[in-house]
Amino acid sequence: MNYKTSPLFSIPVIDVETTSINLKRLREERNIKVSEIQKSLNMTYPQAIYNWENPDLKDLPNIDHLVFLAKLYSVSIDKLIIIRKDESTTLAVNEPIPSYGISQEILDFISSNANHETKLALEKYYGFSISFLQ
């Protein structure tokens, strides 16, 4: 596995609980049923979607699903993800960052639709660097 290193810097953090509430609000405002999302994503069970919308579970959709939800709700990823305003974390110098198999289409969508703060928060939450993968 190829590893790339990150410099020392502070990055924004996704507010998982508020993001979960936001995902549910966006879905309900558009009168979209969980079963419709389940069918569109070809999921056997809807539980994952309910988990994304439950702030107590601290579970968010993967990047592919975030892109799908952004397109379905006609919003940017920035409107799905809520960034904490009062907190950030620091990555250590030379911390390994594995290159994951994220499709170029997904990276392009994030690059063109997410602001810098959201990109950094996605990198932190999912453990990869968008800037290194492009």
Protein backbone atom coordinates (compact mmCIF):
# COMPACT_ATOMS: atom_id res chain seq x y z
CA MET A 1 0.00 0.00 0.00
CA ASN A 2 1.30 3.42 -0.89
CA TYR A 3 1.39 5.93 1.92
CA LYS A 4 1.68 9.65 1.64
CA THR A 5 2.40 11.92 4.53
CA SER A 6 0.54 14.92 5.74
CA PRO A 7 2.07 18.08 7.11
CA LEU A 8 1.18 19.32 10.57
CA PHE A 9 -1.99 21.37 10.35
CA SER A 10 -5.35 21.92 12.00
CA ILE A 11 -8.37 20.62 10.19
CA PRO A 12 -12.10 21.12 10.68
CA VAL A 13 -14.13 18.33 12.23
CA ILE A 14 -17.53 17.10 11.10
CA ASP A 15 -20.22 17.56 13.74
CA VAL A 16 -21.63 14.07 13.33
CA GLU A 17 -24.67 14.54 15.55
CA THR A 18 -25.79 17.78 13.87
CA THR A 19 -25.05 16.34 10.44
CA SER A 20 -27.32 13.38 11.23
CA ILE A 21 -30.13 15.73 12.20
CA ASN A 22 -29.49 17.76 9.05
CA LEU A 23 -29.67 14.69 6.80
CA LYS A 24 -33.06 13.79 8.23
CA ARG A 25 -34.32 17.38 7.93
CA LEU A 26 -33.26 17.62 4.28
CA ARG A 27 -34.96 14.33 3.44
CA GLU A 28 -38.17 15.25 5.23
CA GLU A 29 -38.31 18.75 3.68
CA ARG A 30 -38.30 17.09 0.27
CA ASN A 31 -40.92 14.50 1.26
CA ILE A 32 -38.57 11.66 0.35
CA LYS A 33 -39.19 8.35 2.09
CA VAL A 34 -36.39 6.25 3.52
CA SER A 35 -37.68 3.36 1.38
CA GLU A 36 -37.14 5.47 -1.77
CA ILE A 37 -33.51 6.08 -0.83
CA GLN A 38 -33.13 2.41 0.06
CA LYS A 39 -34.37 1.33 -3.37
CA SER A 40 -32.26 3.93 -5.20
CA LEU A 41 -29.13 2.75 -3.40
CA ASN A 42 -30.08 -0.90 -3.91
CA MET A 43 -29.93 -1.59 -0.17
CA THR A 44 -31.51 -4.72 1.24
CA TYR A 45 -32.51 -3.03 4.49
CA PRO A 46 -33.23 0.63 5.34
CA GLN A 47 -31.46 0.48 8.71
CA ALA A 48 -28.27 2.16 7.45
CA ILE A 49 -30.29 5.22 6.38
CA TYR A 50 -32.02 5.39 9.75
CA ASN A 51 -28.58 5.10 11.38
CA TRP A 52 -27.28 8.07 9.34
CA GLU A 53 -30.20 10.14 10.61
CA ASN A 54 -29.86 9.10 14.27
CA PRO A 55 -27.52 11.52 16.09
CA ASP A 56 -27.01 9.06 18.97
CA LEU A 57 -25.37 6.47 16.68
CA LYS A 58 -22.72 8.84 15.25
CA ASP A 59 -22.78 7.05 11.90
CA LEU A 60 -22.53 8.92 8.59
CA PRO A 61 -22.96 7.79 4.99
CA ASN A 62 -19.86 6.89 3.02
CA ILE A 63 -18.65 9.32 0.38
CA ASP A 64 -20.52 7.62 -2.47
CA HIS A 65 -23.75 7.89 -0.51
CA LEU A 66 -23.05 11.52 0.41
CA VAL A 67 -22.64 12.34 -3.27
CA PHE A 68 -25.89 10.50 -4.05
CA LEU A 69 -27.76 12.36 -1.29
CA ALA A 70 -26.37 15.72 -2.43
CA LYS A 71 -27.61 15.06 -5.95
CA LEU A 72 -30.96 13.68 -4.73
CA TYR A 73 -31.57 16.68 -2.46
CA SER A 74 -30.19 19.14 -5.06
CA VAL A 75 -27.69 20.58 -2.61
CA SER A 76 -23.92 20.73 -2.37
CA ILE A 77 -22.07 18.44 0.00
CA ASP A 78 -21.47 21.54 2.11
CA LYS A 79 -25.20 21.64 2.80
CA LEU A 80 -25.21 18.00 3.97
CA ILE A 81 -22.18 18.16 6.27
CA ILE A 82 -22.11 20.39 9.35
CA ILE A 83 -18.64 21.50 10.45
CA ARG A 84 -17.90 22.13 14.13
CA LYS A 85 -17.08 25.78 14.65
CA ASP A 86 -15.44 25.43 18.05
CA GLU A 87 -13.10 22.53 17.62
CA SER A 88 -10.33 21.27 15.34
CA THR A 89 -7.75 18.55 15.44
CA THR A 90 -4.15 18.44 14.44
CA LEU A 91 -2.61 15.72 12.30
CA ALA A 92 0.94 14.77 13.22
CA VAL A 93 3.76 15.29 10.76
CA ASN A 94 4.39 12.19 8.63
CA GLU A 95 1.13 10.53 9.63
CA PRO A 96 0.47 7.84 7.02
CA ILE A 97 -2.53 8.44 4.78
CA PRO A 98 -3.46 5.39 2.67
CA SER A 99 -4.66 5.89 -0.88
CA TYR A 100 -8.16 4.46 -1.08
CA GLY A 101 -10.03 3.40 -4.20
CA ILE A 102 -12.25 6.46 -4.51
CA SER A 103 -13.44 6.96 -8.06
CA GLN A 104 -12.25 10.00 -9.97
CA GLU A 105 -15.91 10.96 -10.54
CA ILE A 106 -16.47 11.20 -6.78
CA LEU A 107 -13.26 13.19 -6.27
CA ASP A 108 -14.23 15.55 -9.10
CA PHE A 109 -17.71 16.04 -7.59
CA ILE A 110 -16.27 16.81 -4.17
CA SER A 111 -13.65 19.14 -5.66
CA SER A 112 -16.20 21.15 -7.57
CA ASN A 113 -19.02 21.13 -5.00
CA ALA A 114 -17.43 21.27 -1.55
CA ASN A 115 -15.72 24.21 0.08
CA HIS A 116 -12.24 23.87 1.57
CA GLU A 117 -13.51 23.37 5.14
CA THR A 118 -15.84 20.56 4.07
CA LYS A 119 -13.11 18.84 2.05
CA LEU A 120 -10.83 18.87 5.07
CA ALA A 121 -13.56 17.53 7.34
CA LEU A 122 -14.31 14.71 4.86
CA GLU A 123 -10.61 13.89 4.76
CA LYS A 124 -10.54 13.72 8.57
CA TYR A 125 -13.71 11.63 8.93
CA TYR A 126 -12.92 9.13 6.17
CA GLY A 127 -9.16 9.01 6.74
CA PHE A 128 -7.82 10.00 3.33
CA SER A 129 -6.59 13.14 1.65
CA ILE A 130 -8.52 14.50 -1.33
CA SER A 131 -5.62 16.71 -2.33
CA PHE A 132 -3.21 13.76 -2.40
CA LEU A 133 -5.58 11.54 -4.39
CA GLN A 134 -6.21 14.00 -7.21
